[in-house]
Protein backbone atom coordinates (compact mmCIF):
# COMPACT_ATOMS: atom_id res chain seq x y z
CA UNK A 1 -6.06 -10.46 -20.66
CA UNK A 2 -5.44 -7.38 -18.52
CA UNK A 3 -2.58 -7.26 -16.07
CA UNK A 4 -3.53 -7.51 -12.38
CA UNK A 5 -2.73 -5.23 -9.45
CA UNK A 6 -3.47 -6.12 -5.81
CA UNK A 7 -3.90 -3.22 -3.36
CA UNK A 8 -4.53 -3.56 0.37
CA UNK A 9 -6.38 -0.76 2.10
CA UNK A 10 -7.72 0.10 -1.32
CA UNK A 11 -11.08 1.73 -0.62
CA UNK A 12 -9.85 5.24 0.20
CA UNK A 13 -6.98 7.68 -0.05
CA UNK A 14 -3.70 6.62 -1.62
CA UNK A 15 -4.82 3.02 -2.10
CA UNK A 16 -7.90 4.06 -4.04
CA UNK A 17 -5.91 6.52 -6.16
CA UNK A 18 -3.43 3.77 -7.07
CA UNK A 19 -6.27 1.46 -8.10
CA UNK A 20 -7.85 4.14 -10.28
CA UNK A 21 -4.50 5.05 -11.87
CA UNK A 22 -3.68 1.48 -12.83
CA UNK A 23 -7.21 0.62 -13.95
CA UNK A 24 -7.15 3.70 -16.19
CA UNK A 25 -4.06 2.16 -17.79
CA UNK A 26 -5.88 -1.11 -18.50
CA UNK A 27 -5.22 -3.13 -15.35
CA UNK A 28 -7.71 -5.27 -13.49
CA UNK A 29 -7.51 -4.77 -9.72
CA UNK A 30 -8.05 -6.62 -6.45
CA UNK A 31 -8.81 -4.43 -3.45
CA UNK A 32 -9.34 -5.25 0.18
CA UNK A 33 -10.48 -3.09 3.08
CA UNK A 34 -12.09 -3.57 6.47
CA UNK A 35 -15.49 -2.09 5.57
CA UNK A 36 -17.72 -3.75 3.00
CA UNK A 37 -19.70 -0.56 2.37
CA UNK A 38 -16.53 1.32 1.41
CA UNK A 39 -15.58 -1.44 -1.02
CA UNK A 40 -19.05 -1.44 -2.59
CA UNK A 41 -18.80 2.32 -3.08
CA UNK A 42 -15.38 1.91 -4.66
CA UNK A 43 -16.67 -0.78 -6.99
CA UNK A 44 -19.69 1.27 -8.08
CA UNK A 45 -17.79 4.49 -8.64
CA UNK A 46 -14.73 2.95 -10.27
CA UNK A 47 -16.34 0.50 -12.64
CA UNK A 48 -18.81 3.12 -13.86
CA UNK A 49 -15.84 5.15 -15.14
CA UNK A 50 -13.47 2.34 -16.15
CA UNK A 51 -15.66 -0.17 -17.96
CA UNK A 52 -12.78 -1.99 -19.67
CA UNK A 53 -11.29 -3.12 -16.37
CA UNK A 54 -12.46 -5.54 -13.70
CA UNK A 55 -12.37 -4.79 -9.98
CA UNK A 56 -12.45 -7.63 -7.43
CA UNK A 57 -13.11 -6.72 -3.79
CA UNK A 58 -12.67 -8.60 -0.53
CA UNK A 59 -13.52 -7.52 3.01
CA UNK A 60 -10.68 -8.24 5.42
CA UNK A 61 -8.84 -6.77 8.38
CA UNK A 62 -5.24 -7.58 7.56
CA UNK A 63 -4.17 -6.98 11.14
CA UNK A 64 -5.70 -10.42 11.72
CA UNK A 65 -3.45 -13.28 10.49
CA UNK A 66 -6.33 -15.57 9.52
CA UNK A 67 -7.93 -12.84 7.43
CA UNK A 68 -4.64 -12.31 5.62
CA UNK A 69 -4.70 -15.99 4.67
CA UNK A 70 -8.32 -15.72 3.51
CA UNK A 71 -7.51 -12.73 1.32
CA UNK A 72 -4.48 -14.49 -0.14
CA UNK A 73 -6.62 -17.54 -0.94
CA UNK A 74 -9.13 -15.28 -2.68
CA UNK A 75 -6.36 -13.80 -4.83
CA UNK A 76 -4.91 -17.16 -5.80
CA UNK A 77 -8.40 -18.50 -6.58
CA UNK A 78 -8.58 -16.00 -9.43
CA UNK A 79 -5.83 -18.00 -11.15
CA UNK A 80 -4.19 -14.83 -12.45
CA UNK A 81 -0.61 -13.64 -12.67
CA UNK A 82 0.08 -10.83 -10.21
CA UNK A 83 1.84 -7.95 -11.94
CA UNK A 84 1.82 -5.51 -9.01
CA UNK A 85 1.27 -5.91 -5.26
CA UNK A 86 0.80 -2.76 -3.17
CA UNK A 87 0.98 -3.27 0.59
CA UNK A 88 -0.88 -0.13 1.59
CA UNK A 89 -3.03 -1.17 4.56
CA UNK A 90 -2.27 0.54 7.84
CA UNK A 91 -3.24 3.36 10.15
CA UNK A 92 -1.83 6.12 12.35
CA UNK A 93 -2.49 6.84 16.02
CA UNK A 94 -0.60 9.91 17.29
CA UNK A 95 1.20 9.80 20.61
CA UNK A 96 4.58 9.57 22.28
CA UNK A 97 6.26 6.28 23.12
CA UNK A 98 6.04 7.12 26.81
CA UNK A 99 2.38 8.12 26.92
CA UNK A 100 0.54 6.38 24.07
CA UNK A 101 -2.13 3.79 25.02
CA UNK A 102 -0.89 0.36 26.08
CA UNK A 103 -0.88 -1.95 23.07
CA UNK A 104 -0.48 0.81 20.48
CA UNK A 105 2.82 -0.59 19.25
CA UNK A 106 1.49 -4.15 18.92
CA UNK A 107 -1.69 -3.01 17.14
CA UNK A 108 0.12 -0.80 14.65
CA UNK A 109 2.77 -3.47 14.08
CA UNK A 110 0.00 -5.88 13.10
CA UNK A 111 -1.66 -3.40 10.75
CA UNK A 112 1.34 -1.54 9.31
CA UNK A 113 4.09 -4.18 9.20
CA UNK A 114 2.82 -7.72 9.73
CA UNK A 115 -0.02 -7.29 7.23
CA UNK A 116 2.56 -6.64 4.50
CA UNK A 117 4.90 -9.35 5.78
CA UNK A 118 2.22 -12.02 5.98
CA UNK A 119 0.46 -11.25 2.69
CA UNK A 120 3.73 -11.03 0.78
CA UNK A 121 4.82 -14.41 2.16
CA UNK A 122 1.50 -15.94 1.12
CA UNK A 123 1.84 -14.65 -2.44
CA UNK A 124 5.57 -15.23 -2.95
CA UNK A 125 5.16 -18.79 -4.30
CA UNK A 126 2.97 -17.39 -7.10
CA UNK A 127 5.31 -14.47 -7.78
CA UNK A 128 8.40 -16.67 -7.83
CA UNK A 129 6.77 -19.23 -10.11
CA UNK A 130 5.80 -16.58 -12.64
CA UNK A 131 9.31 -15.07 -12.49
CA UNK A 132 8.31 -11.40 -12.43
CA UNK A 133 6.35 -8.88 -10.42
CA UNK A 134 6.63 -5.59 -8.57
CA UNK A 135 5.96 -5.11 -4.85
CA UNK A 136 5.33 -1.63 -3.45
CA UNK A 137 5.37 -1.17 0.33
CA UNK A 138 3.68 2.00 1.56
CA UNK A 139 6.17 3.38 4.02
CA UNK A 140 6.30 7.05 5.06
CA UNK A 141 8.65 9.95 5.62
CA UNK A 142 8.34 8.61 9.18
CA UNK A 143 10.43 5.67 7.93
CA UNK A 144 13.50 7.91 7.82
CA UNK A 145 12.70 10.80 10.15
CA UNK A 146 11.65 10.64 13.77
CA UNK A 147 9.28 13.39 14.85
CA UNK A 148 7.37 14.43 17.94
CA UNK A 149 4.07 12.61 18.48
CA UNK A 150 5.00 9.96 15.94
CA UNK A 151 5.41 7.26 18.58
CA UNK A 152 4.86 3.67 17.56
CA UNK A 153 3.68 4.65 14.08
CA UNK A 154 7.21 5.76 13.20
CA UNK A 155 8.63 2.56 14.69
CA UNK A 156 6.41 0.47 12.41
CA UNK A 157 7.29 2.51 9.35
CA UNK A 158 11.03 2.26 10.05
CA UNK A 159 10.49 -1.51 10.24
CA UNK A 160 8.53 -1.58 6.97
CA UNK A 161 11.39 0.15 5.20
CA UNK A 162 13.79 -2.45 6.57
CA UNK A 163 11.47 -5.21 5.39
CA UNK A 164 11.45 -3.65 1.92
CA UNK A 165 15.23 -3.53 1.73
CA UNK A 166 15.63 -7.16 2.80
CA UNK A 167 12.90 -8.33 0.46
CA UNK A 168 14.46 -6.54 -2.51
CA UNK A 169 17.75 -8.36 -2.07
CA UNK A 170 16.08 -11.75 -1.63
CA UNK A 171 13.88 -11.47 -4.71
CA UNK A 172 16.44 -10.36 -7.27
CA UNK A 173 16.97 -13.92 -8.60
CA UNK A 174 13.26 -14.08 -9.52
CA UNK A 175 13.19 -10.68 -11.26
CA UNK A 176 10.75 -9.31 -8.69
CA UNK A 177 11.20 -5.62 -8.01
CA UNK A 178 10.56 -4.04 -4.59
CA UNK A 179 9.95 -0.34 -4.07
CA UNK A 180 9.50 1.46 -0.77
CA UNK A 181 7.13 4.43 -1.09
CA UNK A 182 7.66 7.21 1.46
CA UNK A 183 5.00 9.91 1.16
CA UNK A 184 4.80 12.98 3.31
CA UNK A 185 1.51 14.49 4.45
CA UNK A 186 -1.17 13.54 1.92
CA UNK A 187 -4.74 14.81 2.01
CA UNK A 188 -6.59 11.65 3.06
CA UNK A 189 -9.03 10.67 5.80
CA UNK A 190 -6.13 10.46 8.25
CA UNK A 191 -6.02 14.26 8.28
CA UNK A 192 -9.78 14.76 8.60
CA UNK A 193 -10.56 17.73 10.82
CA UNK A 194 -7.24 19.49 10.30
CA UNK A 195 -7.25 23.27 10.18
CA UNK A 196 -4.29 23.41 7.83
CA UNK A 197 -4.95 24.67 4.29
CA UNK A 198 -5.43 22.06 1.57
CA UNK A 199 -2.46 23.48 -0.32
CA UNK A 200 -0.06 22.25 2.42
CA UNK A 201 -0.83 18.63 1.55
CA UNK A 202 0.07 16.42 -1.37
CA UNK A 203 -2.66 14.92 -3.50
CA UNK A 204 -3.14 11.16 -3.25
CA UNK A 205 -3.18 11.15 -7.05
CA UNK A 206 0.41 12.43 -7.08
CA UNK A 207 1.57 9.42 -5.08
CA UNK A 208 -0.37 7.11 -7.41
CA UNK A 209 1.25 8.70 -10.45
CA UNK A 210 4.70 8.11 -8.96
CA UNK A 211 3.91 4.46 -8.21
CA UNK A 212 2.73 3.94 -11.77
CA UNK A 213 5.81 5.66 -13.20
CA UNK A 214 8.10 3.42 -11.13
CA UNK A 215 6.31 0.32 -12.38
CA UNK A 216 6.46 1.55 -15.99
CA UNK A 217 10.25 1.68 -16.28
CA UNK A 218 11.82 -1.29 -18.02
CA UNK A 219 12.38 -4.49 -16.04
CA UNK A 220 16.11 -3.84 -16.31
CA UNK A 221 15.68 -1.09 -13.69
CA UNK A 222 14.17 -0.73 -10.24
CA UNK A 223 13.29 2.43 -8.37
CA UNK A 224 14.24 1.32 -4.89
CA UNK A 225 12.66 4.19 -2.95
CA UNK A 226 10.22 7.01 -3.62
CA UNK A 227 10.48 9.99 -1.25
CA UNK A 228 7.79 12.57 -1.97
CA UNK A 229 6.93 15.52 0.24
CA UNK A 230 4.61 18.53 0.15
CA UNK A 231 6.21 21.39 -1.75
CA UNK A 232 6.42 23.50 1.42
CA UNK A 233 7.95 20.66 3.45
CA UNK A 234 6.80 18.30 6.17
CA UNK A 235 3.87 19.07 8.42
């Protein structure tokens, strides 16, 4: 039976590239996203190319605690070992801490931090019981570098990096690896409408390749953090 990867926010961008990279290597995948149409498009386009792998999809907004539980129940109902979990769901709203809309911090905390926290907690009994696994948390260069107009987004990504560090220490006795992924500007829908040249951005496929490479090292090793930036530096 194929190994299984779970990816949140998997219908577009980095999440989709990770799914395609792992499915190309013989994995089955579980993807969730907020929009059913995006998931249907992913399923049609991916399975037409990767016929040896199975893709399961589930519509959920992981900023909502009850929908996290529903997605976790869907995963466990498959009765499969989870080889890789990628907490990728989240979004970015630019603005300064002083001037951003009221509630921006709470909303991005729910989407960018608590989604990963809640889903991981739901799946930890399965991961611990099987005695192996690899969790990737999609952080950002904003997890280590404050920048103008980053506002609450940077706060949430700093917190996600802290969550990753704590989780890694806690899960060592169960041989579960935890990697924090910190990409710089990547050409995804988040940058739609930008006037910057395409060459200034990383490819989502490059991030996916790095995630796969970190998983592929022997279980005697863990890549704790991936920091990957555009060749010409941050935007």
